[in-house]
Amino acid sequence: MSQPNNAPNATWYPIRIMRILLIIFAIMVMIGIPVLGYVIGDFIGMHMATSDVDQGYAYSGLLYTVYNATHNPVYLQEAQISEAQGIANGQSDVSNTAMFGILGGLIADVPIIFLIVREYERMES
């Protein structure tokens, strides 16, 4: 008994489907990992910002107390600056850690995409 003529084509369809799934996975990885890094960095930054804002308001409260005792306007200005500085430090923590997270995600994409491309080329041959 001889094999039918379309026998070599029987392996073509699963490989084609695997290539399509590999391309879809590569797109998900290229988008998903940096977004995940951004979300994790933003989450960490928010927790760091809470501490900065709390410290800014705590020091501001101390300076308000000193201002009420001495009526020296310099302490009032320092108290207002301390509040603003705590908020500004918190905002910079959030933005910096989010950007480090997205940068880490982009760096992590490089070896993963290299492995996906290598696997795709292996399927072609």
C-alpha atoms as a PDB file:
ATOM      1  CA  MET A   1       0.000   0.000   0.000  1.00  0.00           C
ATOM      2  CA  SER A   2       1.297   3.380  -0.866  1.00  0.00           C
ATOM      3  CA  GLN A   3       0.723   6.556   1.066  1.00  0.00           C
ATOM      4  CA  PRO A   4      -1.633   9.161  -0.355  1.00  0.00           C
ATOM      5  CA  ASN A   5      -0.166  12.214  -2.077  1.00  0.00           C
ATOM      6  CA  ASN A   6      -1.402  14.648   0.561  1.00  0.00           C
ATOM      7  CA  ALA A   7       0.388  12.948   3.484  1.00  0.00           C
ATOM      8  CA  PRO A   8       3.165  15.593   3.758  1.00  0.00           C
ATOM      9  CA  ASN A   9       0.521  18.313   3.944  1.00  0.00           C
ATOM     10  CA  ALA A  10      -0.968  16.752   7.062  1.00  0.00           C
ATOM     11  CA  THR A  11       1.833  18.246   9.189  1.00  0.00           C
ATOM     12  CA  TRP A  12       1.522  21.673   7.559  1.00  0.00           C
ATOM     13  CA  TYR A  13      -1.678  22.712   9.355  1.00  0.00           C
ATOM     14  CA  PRO A  14      -0.550  22.163  12.981  1.00  0.00           C
ATOM     15  CA  ILE A  15       2.697  24.005  12.317  1.00  0.00           C
ATOM     16  CA  ARG A  16       0.790  26.886  10.740  1.00  0.00           C
ATOM     17  CA  ILE A  17      -1.526  27.063  13.773  1.00  0.00           C
ATOM     18  CA  MET A  18       1.458  26.946  16.135  1.00  0.00           C
ATOM     19  CA  ARG A  19       3.088  29.812  14.221  1.00  0.00           C
ATOM     20  CA  ILE A  20      -0.064  31.909  14.509  1.00  0.00           C
ATOM     21  CA  LEU A  21      -0.326  31.159  18.241  1.00  0.00           C
ATOM     22  CA  LEU A  22       3.359  31.993  18.684  1.00  0.00           C
ATOM     23  CA  ILE A  23       2.865  35.361  16.966  1.00  0.00           C
ATOM     24  CA  ILE A  24      -0.148  36.103  19.176  1.00  0.00           C
ATOM     25  CA  PHE A  25       1.854  35.126  22.272  1.00  0.00           C
ATOM     26  CA  ALA A  26       4.755  37.361  21.159  1.00  0.00           C
ATOM     27  CA  ILE A  27       2.424  40.336  20.776  1.00  0.00           C
ATOM     28  CA  MET A  28       0.907  39.672  24.202  1.00  0.00           C
ATOM     29  CA  VAL A  29       4.376  39.436  25.764  1.00  0.00           C
ATOM     30  CA  MET A  30       5.630  42.603  24.066  1.00  0.00           C
ATOM     31  CA  ILE A  31       2.670  44.550  25.425  1.00  0.00           C
ATOM     32  CA  GLY A  32       1.909  42.712  28.661  1.00  0.00           C
ATOM     33  CA  ILE A  33       5.280  42.651  30.391  1.00  0.00           C
ATOM     34  CA  PRO A  34       5.967  46.426  30.145  1.00  0.00           C
ATOM     35  CA  VAL A  35       2.394  47.187  31.224  1.00  0.00           C
ATOM     36  CA  LEU A  36       2.777  44.816  34.163  1.00  0.00           C
ATOM     37  CA  GLY A  37       6.078  46.495  35.068  1.00  0.00           C
ATOM     38  CA  TYR A  38       4.360  49.882  34.942  1.00  0.00           C
ATOM     39  CA  VAL A  39       1.528  48.701  37.190  1.00  0.00           C
ATOM     40  CA  ILE A  40       3.916  47.155  39.720  1.00  0.00           C
ATOM     41  CA  GLY A  41       6.121  50.275  39.688  1.00  0.00           C
ATOM     42  CA  ASP A  42       3.062  52.494  40.129  1.00  0.00           C
ATOM     43  CA  PHE A  43       1.877  50.344  43.043  1.00  0.00           C
ATOM     44  CA  ILE A  44       5.259  50.525  44.769  1.00  0.00           C
ATOM     45  CA  GLY A  45       5.462  54.276  44.093  1.00  0.00           C
ATOM     46  CA  MET A  46       2.056  54.875  45.670  1.00  0.00           C
ATOM     47  CA  HIS A  47       3.175  53.148  48.836  1.00  0.00           C
ATOM     48  CA  MET A  48       6.376  55.175  48.896  1.00  0.00           C
ATOM     49  CA  ALA A  49       4.376  58.354  48.267  1.00  0.00           C
ATOM     50  CA  THR A  50       2.178  57.672  51.283  1.00  0.00           C
ATOM     51  CA  SER A  51       5.234  57.766  53.512  1.00  0.00           C
ATOM     52  CA  ASP A  52       6.553  60.965  51.908  1.00  0.00           C
ATOM     53  CA  VAL A  53       3.230  62.781  52.247  1.00  0.00           C
ATOM     54  CA  ASP A  54       2.820  61.616  55.851  1.00  0.00           C
ATOM     55  CA  GLN A  55       6.297  62.844  56.754  1.00  0.00           C
ATOM     56  CA  GLY A  56       5.698  66.168  55.008  1.00  0.00           C
ATOM     57  CA  TYR A  57       2.472  66.780  56.919  1.00  0.00           C
ATOM     58  CA  ALA A  58       3.988  65.616  60.202  1.00  0.00           C
ATOM     59  CA  TYR A  59       6.918  68.015  59.903  1.00  0.00           C
ATOM     60  CA  SER A  60       4.521  70.726  58.772  1.00  0.00           C
ATOM     61  CA  GLY A  61       2.441  70.176  61.915  1.00  0.00           C
ATOM     62  CA  LEU A  62       5.521  70.585  64.040  1.00  0.00           C
ATOM     63  CA  LEU A  63       6.385  73.834  62.284  1.00  0.00           C
ATOM     64  CA  TYR A  64       2.810  75.105  62.679  1.00  0.00           C
ATOM     65  CA  THR A  65       3.107  74.438  66.396  1.00  0.00           C
ATOM     66  CA  VAL A  66       6.373  76.383  66.558  1.00  0.00           C
ATOM     67  CA  TYR A  67       4.753  79.210  64.552  1.00  0.00           C
ATOM     68  CA  ASN A  68       1.811  79.361  66.993  1.00  0.00           C
ATOM     69  CA  ALA A  69       4.238  79.577  69.881  1.00  0.00           C
ATOM     70  CA  THR A  70       6.565  82.189  68.382  1.00  0.00           C
ATOM     71  CA  HIS A  71       4.413  83.992  65.759  1.00  0.00           C
ATOM     72  CA  ASN A  72       7.454  84.075  63.520  1.00  0.00           C
ATOM     73  CA  PRO A  73       6.205  84.057  59.874  1.00  0.00           C
ATOM     74  CA  VAL A  74       9.258  82.097  58.746  1.00  0.00           C
ATOM     75  CA  TYR A  75       7.901  79.014  60.541  1.00  0.00           C
ATOM     76  CA  LEU A  76       4.537  79.449  58.812  1.00  0.00           C
ATOM     77  CA  GLN A  77       6.236  79.561  55.419  1.00  0.00           C
ATOM     78  CA  GLU A  78       8.382  76.562  56.277  1.00  0.00           C
ATOM     79  CA  ALA A  79       5.259  74.638  57.328  1.00  0.00           C
ATOM     80  CA  GLN A  80       3.554  75.374  54.007  1.00  0.00           C
ATOM     81  CA  ILE A  81       6.685  74.471  52.063  1.00  0.00           C
ATOM     82  CA  SER A  82       7.004  71.218  53.997  1.00  0.00           C
ATOM     83  CA  GLU A  83       3.483  70.146  53.001  1.00  0.00           C
ATOM     84  CA  ALA A  84       4.132  70.945  49.353  1.00  0.00           C
ATOM     85  CA  GLN A  85       7.495  69.209  49.420  1.00  0.00           C
ATOM     86  CA  GLY A  86       5.964  66.032  50.841  1.00  0.00           C
ATOM     87  CA  ILE A  87       3.370  65.994  48.067  1.00  0.00           C
ATOM     88  CA  ALA A  88       5.977  66.718  45.374  1.00  0.00           C
ATOM     89  CA  ASN A  89       8.234  63.935  46.675  1.00  0.00           C
ATOM     90  CA  GLY A  90       5.297  61.548  46.631  1.00  0.00           C
ATOM     91  CA  GLN A  91       4.438  62.424  43.032  1.00  0.00           C
ATOM     92  CA  SER A  92       8.023  61.993  41.916  1.00  0.00           C
ATOM     93  CA  ASP A  93       8.185  58.598  43.668  1.00  0.00           C
ATOM     94  CA  VAL A  94       5.136  57.411  41.765  1.00  0.00           C
ATOM     95  CA  SER A  95       6.365  58.600  38.372  1.00  0.00           C
ATOM     96  CA  ASN A  96       9.946  57.380  38.849  1.00  0.00           C
ATOM     97  CA  THR A  97       9.059  53.882  40.020  1.00  0.00           C
ATOM     98  CA  ALA A  98       6.438  53.538  37.276  1.00  0.00           C
ATOM     99  CA  MET A  99       9.008  54.479  34.632  1.00  0.00           C
ATOM    100  CA  PHE A 100      11.568  52.093  36.133  1.00  0.00           C
ATOM    101  CA  GLY A 101       8.899  49.396  36.014  1.00  0.00           C
ATOM    102  CA  ILE A 102       8.109  49.975  32.361  1.00  0.00           C
ATOM    103  CA  LEU A 103      11.824  50.137  31.534  1.00  0.00           C
ATOM    104  CA  GLY A 104      12.380  46.848  33.366  1.00  0.00           C
ATOM    105  CA  GLY A 105       9.517  45.341  31.387  1.00  0.00           C
ATOM    106  CA  LEU A 106      11.029  46.472  28.104  1.00  0.00           C
ATOM    107  CA  ILE A 107      14.414  45.061  29.096  1.00  0.00           C
ATOM    108  CA  ALA A 108      12.777  41.772  30.087  1.00  0.00           C
ATOM    109  CA  ASP A 109      11.093  41.638  26.671  1.00  0.00           C
ATOM    110  CA  VAL A 110      14.382  41.378  24.803  1.00  0.00           C
ATOM    111  CA  PRO A 111      15.408  37.811  25.757  1.00  0.00           C
ATOM    112  CA  ILE A 112      11.828  36.546  25.634  1.00  0.00           C
ATOM    113  CA  ILE A 113      11.270  37.887  22.124  1.00  0.00           C
ATOM    114  CA  PHE A 114      14.658  36.470  21.090  1.00  0.00           C
ATOM    115  CA  LEU A 115      13.513  33.023  22.242  1.00  0.00           C
ATOM    116  CA  ILE A 116      10.157  33.396  20.468  1.00  0.00           C
ATOM    117  CA  VAL A 117      11.815  34.421  17.185  1.00  0.00           C
ATOM    118  CA  ARG A 118      14.265  31.536  17.462  1.00  0.00           C
ATOM    119  CA  GLU A 119      11.392  29.095  18.004  1.00  0.00           C
ATOM    120  CA  TYR A 120       9.483  30.593  15.075  1.00  0.00           C
ATOM    121  CA  GLU A 121      12.487  30.157  12.793  1.00  0.00           C
ATOM    122  CA  ARG A 122      12.878  26.581  14.014  1.00  0.00           C
ATOM    123  CA  MET A 123       9.266  25.887  13.023  1.00  0.00           C
ATOM    124  CA  GLU A 124       9.888  27.250   9.529  1.00  0.00           C
ATOM    125  CA  SER A 125      12.539  24.697   8.705  1.00  0.00           C
END
